[in-house]
C-alpha cells in the first residue's frame, strides 16, 4: 500500500506527464506524450542533458530493426528470445522481454520519422554472438554521423538547449575523440525533437520526493534554485534518472563491491531509486552493473568530484594481472574483467584478484595513446615505468618472478595465436574488439607479445558506466510494489528501472534501447488514461 504524504497547497507547475531525467527514455516519453495530446515537461538534475548516454557510443540494441531489414540481414523475434533466454541466467522477465521486442522497431521508427534523429546499423556483433540466437551484426544501430554531425552542429548554434547536450568533460584516452560522440547524436536528435515541439526541458532541477494522494502518485517535489518546486502530474510521473553508481552507500548495500567508481556523470546518485522505494516500489537486479576497468589521474576533477578514465585494454601488447602477478581474465572482453574484480576467495575471506594492474610494453604504450596522455596531464604518479618486468613488479607491489613468468607464458600463447587460459581472441566479439584498431587482423587482432622495454603499469580500479538494478516495472512501464501491484501514476525506465528485459546478461546498446522503448511505452499508456 502506498503511503500518503503531504500534498502541497499550491503547485508551481501542472502538466499531464513529467519525466525526471534527460535520458533517452525521458526524452522519448515527453516527445511521445506531446504527440499523443499530453502536456509534458522534462526535469534534469544536471546542467547538462543526456547523462551517461551522451558520453557513450549512442548504440541502441534493437533486434529485427528496420535498418537490418533494409540491409538484407535476417533476424526474428524467435531468435532474439532464444538469445536472451540462453544468456540471462534466468533473471529476465518474460513478459517485459516480449514487450521490449514487440515495441522496439516501432519506437525507433517513430523517433526517426518524427524527430531529427537518424540512425544506421553498426557492423558490430552481439557480445555473445556465438551463442544460440546471437547475431554477428545489425542489431546495434547508432546515430548516422554523416547526417547527425552537421545537423547537431547547426542546432547547437541556434538553440541553447541543444548546446546543453553533455560533451566529454576532458579528452578521453589521449584526446583522440573530438567533441562529437555518437551518444551526443542520440540525445541531441531527441532534444531537437523537444525544441521543435516547444516541450519545456528544465535543467538544474533535482527530484526529491513523490507526492501521493489517495494511493496514487500525483506529482513530485523537486529542488530548484535551492527551494521546493512542486510539479503536478495528472497522468503520471516517469522516473528516468539513471543508475546509482555515484552513490557509495547504495553500492555498499546492494552490490558485491565496497569502492565502486562511476565513469558516468556524477549526478547519477540513485535519486529515482530512492524516490520509488520511499513509496513502496519493488526492486530487482541491484547487484548488476556494467563494469569497466579505469584509473584516476591525480587531482583530475570534474564538477567537484574525481574523474575516472577508461584505458586501452585487450589489444596486442598488453595484459591485466592480479595482485599475485597472474592473469585472471579475458582482457578483450570487459565483462570478464569486471568478473575478475569481484571474484571472492571464501578460503581467505578476501577478493581473490583485486587490485588489478594494466601491464604493457613500450610499443603498445605508444599505440594506445597513453604515452601522449602522459604529456597532457600535470601528475603522472599513476603511471609506473621500469626497464625490466621484475623491477616493474617491485614498483607496483606485486611478485616480480610471477609477473615475468606470466608475461613469458602470454608471449608464448601470442606466438601460437591461442590463449588456453582465458580464451582471449576466440569469440566473434573478441575479433571485433581487435578489429577496431587492427582491421587487417595481422598477425592477430588481440593477441600480441609484450617485448619492448621499458615496461609500464597502471593500478586499475573498478568502475561502472551504469548500474542495472532498479525499480520493478510491468509491460506498461508502470512501477509495481513487492506484491506485484501497480503503484498508480508511477512509471520507470532508463537505469532507474531494473534490467528485466535481459536479466543478468548485457550487450552493447541494450540499456539505451530499453530506456527509449519503455519511455515510449509509458507515454502511450498515460495517453490512454488507464
Protein backbone atom coordinates (compact mmCIF):
# COMPACT_ATOMS: atom_id res chain seq x y z
CA UNK A 1 0.00 0.00 0.00
CA UNK A 2 1.45 3.38 -0.99
CA UNK A 3 1.71 5.67 1.98
CA UNK A 4 0.03 9.07 1.89
CA UNK A 5 2.25 12.12 2.13
CA UNK A 6 1.78 15.84 2.20
CA UNK A 7 0.11 17.34 -0.86
CA UNK A 8 1.18 20.96 -1.34
CA UNK A 9 -1.35 23.74 -1.05
CA UNK A 10 -0.08 25.17 -4.31
CA UNK A 11 1.63 23.57 -7.32
CA UNK A 12 4.37 25.50 -9.15
CA UNK A 13 3.62 23.70 -12.40
CA UNK A 14 0.87 21.41 -13.66
CA UNK A 15 1.27 19.04 -16.59
CA UNK A 16 0.00 15.64 -17.67
CA UNK A 17 3.35 13.84 -17.87
CA UNK A 18 6.52 14.76 -16.01
CA UNK A 19 9.73 12.88 -16.83
CA UNK A 20 12.59 13.05 -14.36
CA UNK A 21 15.88 12.64 -16.19
CA UNK A 22 17.08 13.65 -19.67
CA UNK A 23 17.86 10.07 -20.67
CA UNK A 24 16.83 8.59 -24.00
CA UNK A 25 13.75 7.26 -22.18
CA UNK A 26 12.83 10.56 -20.56
CA UNK A 27 13.17 12.39 -23.86
CA UNK A 28 11.27 9.77 -25.85
CA UNK A 29 8.45 9.91 -23.29
CA UNK A 30 7.92 13.66 -23.39
CA UNK A 31 8.02 13.57 -27.21
CA UNK A 32 5.57 10.68 -27.50
CA UNK A 33 3.38 12.13 -24.77
CA UNK A 34 3.24 15.51 -26.52
CA UNK A 35 2.38 13.87 -29.83
CA UNK A 36 -0.42 11.95 -28.07
CA UNK A 37 -2.02 15.15 -26.83
CA UNK A 38 -0.47 15.40 -23.36
CA UNK A 39 1.21 18.42 -21.82
CA UNK A 40 4.70 17.25 -20.92
CA UNK A 41 7.78 18.54 -19.13
CA UNK A 42 11.22 17.10 -18.53
CA UNK A 43 13.26 17.85 -15.39
CA UNK A 44 17.01 17.26 -15.39
CA UNK A 45 19.16 17.33 -12.26
CA UNK A 46 22.36 18.37 -14.02
CA UNK A 47 23.20 21.44 -16.04
CA UNK A 48 23.77 19.07 -18.98
CA UNK A 49 21.41 16.74 -20.84
CA UNK A 50 21.87 13.09 -21.66
CA UNK A 51 23.55 11.58 -18.60
CA UNK A 52 25.87 8.70 -19.39
CA UNK A 53 24.22 8.11 -22.75
CA UNK A 54 25.60 11.39 -24.13
CA UNK A 55 29.13 10.17 -23.32
CA UNK A 56 28.56 6.71 -24.78
CA UNK A 57 28.66 5.30 -28.27
CA UNK A 58 24.94 6.06 -28.56
CA UNK A 59 24.14 2.50 -29.56
CA UNK A 60 20.62 1.04 -29.43
CA UNK A 61 20.30 -2.77 -29.37
CA UNK A 62 17.10 -3.49 -31.29
CA UNK A 63 16.60 -6.94 -32.84
CA UNK A 64 14.93 -7.18 -36.27
CA UNK A 65 15.06 -3.39 -36.68
CA UNK A 66 14.23 -1.63 -39.94
CA UNK A 67 17.88 -0.97 -40.79
CA UNK A 68 18.67 -4.69 -40.61
CA UNK A 69 15.80 -5.46 -42.96
CA UNK A 70 16.89 -2.77 -45.42
CA UNK A 71 20.40 -4.25 -45.45
CA UNK A 72 19.07 -7.74 -46.07
CA UNK A 73 20.15 -9.05 -42.67
CA UNK A 74 17.95 -11.78 -41.27
CA UNK A 75 16.62 -11.68 -37.72
CA UNK A 76 13.45 -12.62 -35.89
CA UNK A 77 11.73 -12.30 -32.56
CA UNK A 78 12.18 -16.02 -32.02
CA UNK A 79 15.96 -15.74 -32.39
CA UNK A 80 16.12 -12.75 -30.03
CA UNK A 81 14.00 -14.59 -27.45
CA UNK A 82 16.28 -17.62 -27.70
CA UNK A 83 19.36 -15.45 -27.25
CA UNK A 84 18.10 -13.71 -24.11
CA UNK A 85 16.78 -16.95 -22.61
CA UNK A 86 20.20 -18.52 -23.20
CA UNK A 87 22.24 -15.71 -21.65
CA UNK A 88 20.09 -14.13 -18.91
CA UNK A 89 20.81 -16.74 -16.22
CA UNK A 90 17.05 -16.95 -15.81
CA UNK A 91 16.85 -13.47 -14.30
CA UNK A 92 14.87 -11.74 -17.05
CA UNK A 93 11.10 -11.25 -17.05
CA UNK A 94 9.45 -13.00 -19.98
CA UNK A 95 6.56 -10.55 -20.31
CA UNK A 96 8.81 -7.49 -20.18
CA UNK A 97 11.18 -9.06 -22.71
CA UNK A 98 8.28 -9.67 -25.09
CA UNK A 99 7.08 -6.08 -24.71
CA UNK A 100 10.62 -4.84 -25.39
CA UNK A 101 10.96 -6.90 -28.57
CA UNK A 102 7.43 -6.25 -29.85
CA UNK A 103 7.71 -2.47 -29.45
CA UNK A 104 11.40 -1.88 -30.22
CA UNK A 105 11.34 -1.45 -34.02
CA UNK A 106 8.16 0.66 -33.78
CA UNK A 107 9.57 3.01 -31.13
CA UNK A 108 12.80 3.55 -33.03
CA UNK A 109 10.93 4.06 -36.30
CA UNK A 110 8.71 6.66 -34.66
CA UNK A 111 11.65 8.67 -33.32
CA UNK A 112 13.40 8.60 -36.69
CA UNK A 113 10.27 9.68 -38.55
CA UNK A 114 9.21 12.39 -36.09
CA UNK A 115 12.50 13.88 -34.83
CA UNK A 116 15.79 14.87 -36.48
CA UNK A 117 17.38 11.65 -35.14
CA UNK A 118 18.66 9.43 -37.96
CA UNK A 119 20.27 6.06 -37.33
CA UNK A 120 22.25 3.41 -39.18
CA UNK A 121 23.19 -0.15 -38.36
CA UNK A 122 26.62 -0.92 -36.99
CA UNK A 123 28.70 -3.86 -38.19
CA UNK A 124 29.31 -4.99 -34.61
CA UNK A 125 28.25 -8.29 -33.07
CA UNK A 126 26.24 -9.14 -30.02
CA UNK A 127 28.58 -9.74 -27.08
CA UNK A 128 27.56 -13.41 -27.16
CA UNK A 129 27.13 -13.67 -30.92
CA UNK A 130 28.34 -17.27 -30.98
CA UNK A 131 25.64 -18.49 -28.58
CA UNK A 132 22.17 -19.56 -29.77
CA UNK A 133 20.16 -16.70 -31.25
CA UNK A 134 23.15 -14.34 -31.41
CA UNK A 135 23.89 -12.13 -34.39
CA UNK A 136 27.23 -11.06 -35.83
CA UNK A 137 25.95 -7.67 -36.97
CA UNK A 138 22.89 -5.50 -37.38
CA UNK A 139 21.14 -5.40 -34.01
CA UNK A 140 23.19 -2.40 -32.91
CA UNK A 141 22.07 0.85 -34.51
CA UNK A 142 23.52 4.29 -33.79
CA UNK A 143 23.30 7.91 -35.00
CA UNK A 144 24.48 8.31 -38.57
CA UNK A 145 27.47 10.68 -38.23
CA UNK A 146 27.23 11.98 -41.81
CA UNK A 147 23.73 13.25 -41.07
CA UNK A 148 23.83 13.99 -37.35
CA UNK A 149 27.13 15.85 -37.04
CA UNK A 150 26.17 18.79 -39.31
CA UNK A 151 22.57 18.79 -38.06
CA UNK A 152 23.62 18.86 -34.41
CA UNK A 153 26.39 21.41 -35.02
CA UNK A 154 23.95 23.81 -36.65
CA UNK A 155 21.30 23.24 -33.98
CA UNK A 156 23.78 23.97 -31.17
CA UNK A 157 24.37 27.42 -32.64
CA UNK A 158 20.65 28.20 -32.86
CA UNK A 159 19.23 26.58 -29.75
CA UNK A 160 20.84 26.93 -26.30
CA UNK A 161 19.03 23.78 -25.14
CA UNK A 162 20.77 21.63 -27.77
CA UNK A 163 24.10 23.07 -26.70
CA UNK A 164 23.42 21.59 -23.25
CA UNK A 165 23.81 18.03 -24.56
CA UNK A 166 26.74 16.79 -22.47
CA UNK A 167 30.18 16.82 -24.12
CA UNK A 168 33.17 14.86 -22.85
CA UNK A 169 34.36 16.64 -19.68
CA UNK A 170 38.02 16.11 -20.59
CA UNK A 171 39.55 14.35 -23.59
CA UNK A 172 39.08 10.60 -23.33
CA UNK A 173 42.17 8.45 -23.76
CA UNK A 174 44.75 10.87 -25.17
CA UNK A 175 42.43 13.46 -26.63
CA UNK A 176 41.73 11.37 -29.70
CA UNK A 177 37.96 11.81 -29.56
CA UNK A 178 36.58 15.10 -30.76
CA UNK A 179 33.55 16.90 -29.33
CA UNK A 180 31.31 14.67 -31.45
CA UNK A 181 30.34 11.36 -29.94
CA UNK A 182 27.55 9.10 -31.13
CA UNK A 183 25.87 9.42 -27.73
CA UNK A 184 25.61 13.16 -28.26
CA UNK A 185 23.97 12.42 -31.60
CA UNK A 186 21.35 10.18 -29.99
CA UNK A 187 20.49 12.58 -27.18
CA UNK A 188 20.90 15.62 -29.43
CA UNK A 189 18.44 14.30 -32.00
CA UNK A 190 15.82 13.74 -29.30
CA UNK A 191 16.48 17.13 -27.67
CA UNK A 192 15.98 18.73 -31.07
CA UNK A 193 12.64 16.92 -31.22
CA UNK A 194 11.71 18.63 -27.95
CA UNK A 195 12.80 22.03 -29.29
CA UNK A 196 10.68 21.60 -32.42
CA UNK A 197 7.62 20.88 -30.27
CA UNK A 198 8.23 23.59 -27.69
CA UNK A 199 8.45 20.97 -24.92
CA UNK A 200 9.83 22.53 -21.76
CA UNK A 201 13.09 20.96 -20.57
CA UNK A 202 14.29 22.41 -17.27
CA UNK A 203 17.87 21.75 -16.16
CA UNK A 204 19.30 22.03 -12.64
CA UNK A 205 16.12 20.64 -11.06
CA UNK A 206 16.58 17.65 -8.76
CA UNK A 207 13.70 15.31 -7.94
CA UNK A 208 13.37 14.80 -4.20
CA UNK A 209 10.05 13.16 -3.32
CA UNK A 210 6.97 11.72 -4.96
CA UNK A 211 3.65 13.22 -3.89
CA UNK A 212 0.95 10.62 -3.18
CA UNK A 213 -2.76 11.26 -2.73
CA UNK A 214 -5.40 8.54 -2.23
CA UNK A 215 -2.88 5.86 -3.12
CA UNK A 216 -1.82 7.49 -6.40
CA UNK A 217 1.33 9.37 -7.35
CA UNK A 218 0.04 12.80 -8.38
CA UNK A 219 3.29 14.72 -8.75
CA UNK A 220 6.67 15.33 -7.22
CA UNK A 221 8.60 17.69 -5.03
CA UNK A 222 11.78 18.84 -6.70
CA UNK A 223 14.55 21.23 -5.73
CA UNK A 224 15.07 24.27 -7.94
CA UNK A 225 17.42 27.12 -7.03
CA UNK A 226 17.64 25.72 -3.50
CA UNK A 227 13.86 25.84 -2.98
CA UNK A 228 10.98 23.38 -3.21
CA UNK A 229 9.44 23.15 -6.67
CA UNK A 230 6.18 21.21 -6.86
CA UNK A 231 5.05 19.70 -10.18
CA UNK A 232 1.63 18.14 -10.55
CA UNK A 233 1.33 15.25 -12.99
CA UNK A 234 -2.25 14.50 -13.98
CA UNK A 235 -1.36 11.33 -15.89
CA UNK A 236 1.90 10.16 -14.39
CA UNK A 237 5.48 10.65 -13.24
CA UNK A 238 8.21 8.84 -15.18
CA UNK A 239 11.43 8.18 -13.25
CA UNK A 240 14.22 8.06 -15.86
CA UNK A 241 17.18 9.42 -13.92
CA UNK A 242 19.74 6.67 -14.49
CA UNK A 243 21.63 4.45 -12.08
CA UNK A 244 23.27 4.79 -8.67
CA UNK A 245 26.95 4.27 -9.47
CA UNK A 246 27.84 7.58 -7.79
CA UNK A 247 26.09 6.69 -4.54
CA UNK A 248 28.66 4.75 -2.47
CA UNK A 249 26.16 3.97 0.29
CA UNK A 250 23.79 2.28 -2.14
CA UNK A 251 26.67 0.41 -3.77
CA UNK A 252 27.78 -0.97 -0.39
CA UNK A 253 24.24 -2.03 0.49
CA UNK A 254 23.24 -3.66 -2.76
CA UNK A 255 26.38 -4.76 -4.61
CA UNK A 256 29.38 -7.02 -4.00
CA UNK A 257 31.76 -4.07 -4.06
CA UNK A 258 32.68 -1.51 -1.43
CA UNK A 259 34.52 1.00 -3.61
CA UNK A 260 32.63 1.29 -6.90
CA UNK A 261 33.68 4.25 -9.02
CA UNK A 262 31.49 5.96 -11.58
CA UNK A 263 32.59 6.57 -15.16
CA UNK A 264 29.30 8.31 -15.90
CA UNK A 265 28.32 11.86 -14.89
CA UNK A 266 28.47 12.22 -11.12
CA UNK A 267 24.84 13.34 -10.96
CA UNK A 268 23.78 9.68 -11.16
CA UNK A 269 23.20 9.02 -7.46
CA UNK A 270 20.08 6.85 -7.49
CA UNK A 271 17.57 9.65 -6.94
CA UNK A 272 14.83 7.82 -8.82
CA UNK A 273 15.53 4.57 -6.98
CA UNK A 274 15.23 6.28 -3.62
CA UNK A 275 12.03 8.11 -4.54
CA UNK A 276 10.45 4.91 -5.82
CA UNK A 277 11.44 2.83 -2.81
CA UNK A 278 10.01 5.50 -0.50
CA UNK A 279 6.54 4.83 -1.92
CA UNK A 280 6.84 1.05 -1.78
CA UNK A 281 8.35 0.10 -5.13
CA UNK A 282 9.86 -3.35 -5.51
CA UNK A 283 13.49 -3.57 -6.65
CA UNK A 284 15.45 -6.21 -8.57
CA UNK A 285 18.90 -6.97 -10.01
CA UNK A 286 20.53 -4.49 -7.63
CA UNK A 287 23.78 -6.49 -7.77
CA UNK A 288 24.06 -5.99 -11.55
CA UNK A 289 26.13 -3.32 -13.35
CA UNK A 290 28.18 -2.62 -16.45
CA UNK A 291 31.69 -2.80 -15.03
CA UNK A 292 34.75 -1.25 -16.62
CA UNK A 293 38.40 -1.08 -15.57
CA UNK A 294 39.54 2.50 -15.11
CA UNK A 295 42.12 4.68 -13.42
CA UNK A 296 42.35 8.09 -11.83
CA UNK A 297 44.84 10.77 -12.77
CA UNK A 298 45.72 12.50 -9.51
CA UNK A 299 43.96 15.86 -9.00
CA UNK A 300 41.78 15.40 -12.10
CA UNK A 301 38.35 16.62 -11.01
CA UNK A 302 35.10 17.23 -12.91
CA UNK A 303 32.18 19.06 -11.30
CA UNK A 304 33.76 18.77 -7.87
CA UNK A 305 34.38 15.02 -7.89
CA UNK A 306 37.28 12.81 -9.07
CA UNK A 307 37.25 11.95 -12.75
CA UNK A 308 37.97 8.35 -13.79
CA UNK A 309 39.33 7.47 -17.20
CA UNK A 310 38.97 4.35 -19.34
CA UNK A 311 42.07 2.80 -20.85
CA UNK A 312 43.05 0.79 -23.90
CA UNK A 313 42.93 -2.86 -22.81
CA UNK A 314 42.72 -6.18 -24.60
CA UNK A 315 44.92 -5.29 -27.56
CA UNK A 316 48.21 -6.89 -28.66
CA UNK A 317 50.99 -5.93 -26.29
CA UNK A 318 49.05 -5.54 -23.04
CA UNK A 319 47.60 -7.76 -20.35
CA UNK A 320 45.87 -7.39 -16.98
CA UNK A 321 47.26 -9.16 -13.92
CA UNK A 322 46.05 -9.52 -10.35
CA UNK A 323 47.80 -8.79 -7.04
CA UNK A 324 49.67 -12.08 -7.42
CA UNK A 325 51.12 -11.09 -10.79
CA UNK A 326 48.92 -13.60 -12.63
CA UNK A 327 46.46 -13.07 -15.46
CA UNK A 328 42.89 -13.53 -14.25
CA UNK A 329 40.56 -12.67 -17.16
CA UNK A 330 40.00 -12.36 -20.88
CA UNK A 331 41.29 -8.83 -21.36
CA UNK A 332 39.46 -8.44 -24.68
CA UNK A 333 36.03 -8.89 -23.09
CA UNK A 334 35.44 -6.23 -20.47
CA UNK A 335 32.57 -8.09 -18.71
CA UNK A 336 35.13 -10.74 -17.78
CA UNK A 337 37.43 -8.06 -16.34
CA UNK A 338 34.52 -7.00 -14.12
CA UNK A 339 34.07 -10.62 -13.05
CA UNK A 340 37.75 -10.81 -12.09
CA UNK A 341 37.50 -7.67 -9.96
CA UNK A 342 34.60 -9.16 -7.97
CA UNK A 343 35.88 -12.75 -7.63
CA UNK A 344 35.82 -13.69 -3.97
CA UNK A 345 38.03 -16.25 -2.22
CA UNK A 346 35.96 -17.88 0.52
CA UNK A 347 39.03 -19.60 1.99
CA UNK A 348 40.77 -16.31 2.77
CA UNK A 349 37.65 -14.13 3.03
CA UNK A 350 39.02 -11.58 0.59
CA UNK A 351 38.85 -10.59 -3.03
CA UNK A 352 40.83 -13.14 -4.99
CA UNK A 353 42.36 -10.76 -7.55
CA UNK A 354 41.95 -7.08 -6.68
CA UNK A 355 43.75 -4.83 -7.11
CA UNK A 356 44.32 -5.43 -10.81
CA UNK A 357 47.09 -3.91 -12.92
CA UNK A 358 47.36 -3.00 -16.59
CA UNK A 359 50.76 -4.11 -17.94
CA UNK A 360 52.13 -3.09 -21.33
CA UNK A 361 55.33 -2.77 -23.28
CA UNK A 362 56.66 0.41 -24.83
CA UNK A 363 55.32 -0.31 -28.33
CA UNK A 364 51.75 -0.72 -27.10
CA UNK A 365 52.20 2.25 -24.79
CA UNK A 366 52.59 4.38 -27.90
CA UNK A 367 49.89 2.56 -29.90
CA UNK A 368 47.34 3.03 -27.12
CA UNK A 369 47.90 6.77 -26.84
CA UNK A 370 48.85 6.51 -23.18
CA UNK A 371 52.28 7.96 -23.86
CA UNK A 372 50.61 11.06 -25.35
CA UNK A 373 48.26 11.34 -22.39
CA UNK A 374 51.23 11.29 -20.02
CA UNK A 375 52.41 14.54 -21.60
CA UNK A 376 48.98 16.18 -21.25
CA UNK A 377 48.36 15.83 -17.51
CA UNK A 378 50.07 17.58 -14.63
CA UNK A 379 50.69 14.48 -12.48
CA UNK A 380 51.95 11.11 -13.74
CA UNK A 381 52.30 9.31 -10.40
CA UNK A 382 49.60 6.88 -11.55
CA UNK A 383 51.85 5.66 -14.38
CA UNK A 384 54.71 3.33 -13.40
CA UNK A 385 57.71 2.72 -15.67
CA UNK A 386 60.58 0.23 -15.40
CA UNK A 387 63.29 -1.23 -17.62
CA UNK A 388 62.52 -4.82 -16.60
CA UNK A 389 59.44 -6.75 -15.58
CA UNK A 390 60.79 -7.67 -12.10
CA UNK A 391 61.57 -4.00 -11.48
CA UNK A 392 58.09 -3.00 -12.63
CA UNK A 393 56.53 -5.61 -10.35
CA UNK A 394 58.50 -4.31 -7.37
CA UNK A 395 57.31 -0.76 -8.02
CA UNK A 396 53.70 -1.97 -8.30
CA UNK A 397 53.98 -4.15 -5.19
CA UNK A 398 53.37 -7.49 -6.90
CA UNK A 399 55.65 -10.60 -7.08
CA UNK A 400 58.37 -9.97 -9.65
CA UNK A 401 59.06 -13.56 -10.67
CA UNK A 402 55.34 -14.19 -11.06
CA UNK A 403 54.92 -11.22 -13.38
CA UNK A 404 57.86 -12.25 -15.54
CA UNK A 405 56.54 -15.83 -15.74
CA UNK A 406 53.08 -14.55 -16.63
CA UNK A 407 54.38 -12.38 -19.46
CA UNK A 408 56.54 -15.20 -20.82
CA UNK A 409 53.55 -17.55 -20.75
CA UNK A 410 51.34 -14.99 -22.51
CA UNK A 411 54.02 -14.26 -25.12
CA UNK A 412 54.13 -17.95 -25.95
CA UNK A 413 50.37 -18.01 -26.36
CA UNK A 414 50.55 -14.90 -28.55
CA UNK A 415 53.08 -16.56 -30.86
CA UNK A 416 50.78 -19.57 -31.12
CA UNK A 417 47.72 -17.29 -31.57
CA UNK A 418 45.77 -19.18 -28.91
CA UNK A 419 45.04 -18.49 -25.23
CA UNK A 420 44.06 -21.72 -23.43
CA UNK A 421 43.95 -19.94 -20.05
CA UNK A 422 41.22 -17.38 -20.74
CA UNK A 423 40.27 -17.92 -24.40
CA UNK A 424 41.19 -14.39 -25.40
CA UNK A 425 40.63 -13.90 -29.11
CA UNK A 426 38.37 -16.88 -29.68
CA UNK A 427 34.94 -15.25 -29.90
CA UNK A 428 33.40 -13.20 -32.68
CA UNK A 429 33.18 -10.25 -30.30
CA UNK A 430 36.89 -10.53 -29.40
CA UNK A 431 37.77 -10.35 -33.09
CA UNK A 432 35.53 -7.31 -33.50
CA UNK A 433 37.18 -5.69 -30.45
CA UNK A 434 40.60 -6.08 -32.05
CA UNK A 435 39.44 -5.05 -35.50
CA UNK A 436 38.62 -1.56 -34.25
CA UNK A 437 42.36 -0.87 -34.06
CA UNK A 438 43.76 -3.69 -36.15
CA UNK A 439 41.38 -4.16 -39.11
CA UNK A 440 43.84 -6.34 -41.03
CA UNK A 441 44.00 -8.92 -38.22
CA UNK A 442 47.75 -9.24 -38.63
CA UNK A 443 49.11 -11.28 -37.00
CA UNK A 444 46.14 -11.47 -34.59
CA UNK A 445 43.55 -8.86 -33.59
CA UNK A 446 44.01 -9.17 -29.82
CA UNK A 447 46.99 -11.47 -29.16
CA UNK A 448 50.45 -9.96 -29.36
CA UNK A 449 53.55 -10.24 -27.12
CA UNK A 450 54.93 -7.77 -24.58
CA UNK A 451 58.54 -7.49 -25.69
CA UNK A 452 59.77 -3.91 -25.97
CA UNK A 453 61.32 -2.26 -22.91
CA UNK A 454 60.65 -0.15 -20.97
CA UNK A 455 57.54 -1.70 -19.48
CA UNK A 456 54.64 0.19 -17.98
CA UNK A 457 51.98 -0.48 -15.35
CA UNK A 458 48.84 1.22 -14.03
CA UNK A 459 46.82 0.16 -11.00
CA UNK A 460 43.18 -0.23 -12.01
CA UNK A 461 40.00 0.49 -10.13
CA UNK A 462 36.55 -0.98 -10.65
CA UNK A 463 34.33 1.49 -12.43
CA UNK A 464 30.83 1.40 -13.85
CA UNK A 465 29.19 3.23 -16.72
CA UNK A 466 25.83 2.22 -15.28
CA UNK A 467 24.22 0.14 -12.57
CA UNK A 468 21.46 -2.12 -13.90
CA UNK A 469 19.37 -2.81 -10.82
CA UNK A 470 16.31 -0.74 -10.12
CA UNK A 471 12.58 -0.44 -9.72
CA UNK A 472 10.44 -3.34 -10.91
CA UNK A 473 8.06 -2.37 -13.70
CA UNK A 474 5.44 -4.15 -15.77
CA UNK A 475 4.93 -4.28 -19.53
CA UNK A 476 3.42 -0.76 -19.49
CA UNK A 477 6.49 0.63 -17.66
CA UNK A 478 4.34 1.05 -14.53
CA UNK A 479 6.24 0.64 -11.26
CA UNK A 480 4.92 -2.15 -9.04
CA UNK A 481 5.25 -2.95 -5.34
CA UNK A 482 6.54 -6.15 -3.73
CA UNK A 483 3.16 -7.84 -4.26
CA UNK A 484 3.24 -7.01 -7.95
CA UNK A 485 0.52 -4.38 -7.59
CA UNK A 486 0.74 -1.26 -9.74
CA UNK A 487 1.68 1.97 -7.98
CA UNK A 488 -0.81 4.18 -9.79
CA UNK A 489 0.66 7.20 -11.53
CA UNK A 490 4.28 6.00 -11.31
CA UNK A 491 6.38 4.79 -14.25
CA UNK A 492 10.04 3.89 -14.65
CA UNK A 493 12.67 3.45 -17.35
CA UNK A 494 16.41 4.08 -18.02
CA UNK A 495 18.74 2.53 -15.43
CA UNK A 496 16.25 3.60 -12.78
CA UNK A 497 14.19 0.54 -13.77
CA UNK A 498 15.54 -2.97 -13.28
CA UNK A 499 17.13 -4.53 -16.38
CA UNK A 500 14.49 -7.24 -16.59
CA UNK A 501 14.49 -7.25 -20.38
CA UNK A 502 17.84 -9.05 -20.33
CA UNK A 503 18.32 -10.33 -16.79
CA UNK A 504 21.96 -10.88 -15.88
CA UNK A 505 23.39 -10.53 -19.38
CA UNK A 506 24.35 -7.35 -21.16
CA UNK A 507 25.19 -6.41 -24.72
CA UNK A 508 26.13 -3.07 -26.19
CA UNK A 509 23.18 -0.70 -26.54
CA UNK A 510 20.72 -2.78 -24.53
CA UNK A 511 20.30 -0.20 -21.74
CA UNK A 512 19.74 2.74 -24.06
CA UNK A 513 17.23 0.85 -26.16
CA UNK A 514 15.37 -0.39 -23.07
CA UNK A 515 15.24 3.18 -21.81
CA UNK A 516 13.90 4.64 -25.06
CA UNK A 517 11.42 1.84 -25.72
CA UNK A 518 9.84 1.88 -22.28
CA UNK A 519 9.75 5.70 -22.22
CA UNK A 520 7.76 5.44 -25.45
CA UNK A 521 5.52 2.75 -23.92
CA UNK A 522 4.97 4.75 -20.72
CA UNK A 523 3.81 7.83 -22.64
CA UNK A 524 1.38 5.79 -24.73
CA UNK A 525 -0.07 4.20 -21.61
CA UNK A 526 -0.51 7.57 -19.89
CA UNK A 527 -2.20 8.97 -23.00
CA UNK A 528 -4.72 6.14 -22.95
CA UNK A 529 -5.63 7.19 -19.42
CA UNK A 530 -5.51 3.72 -17.95
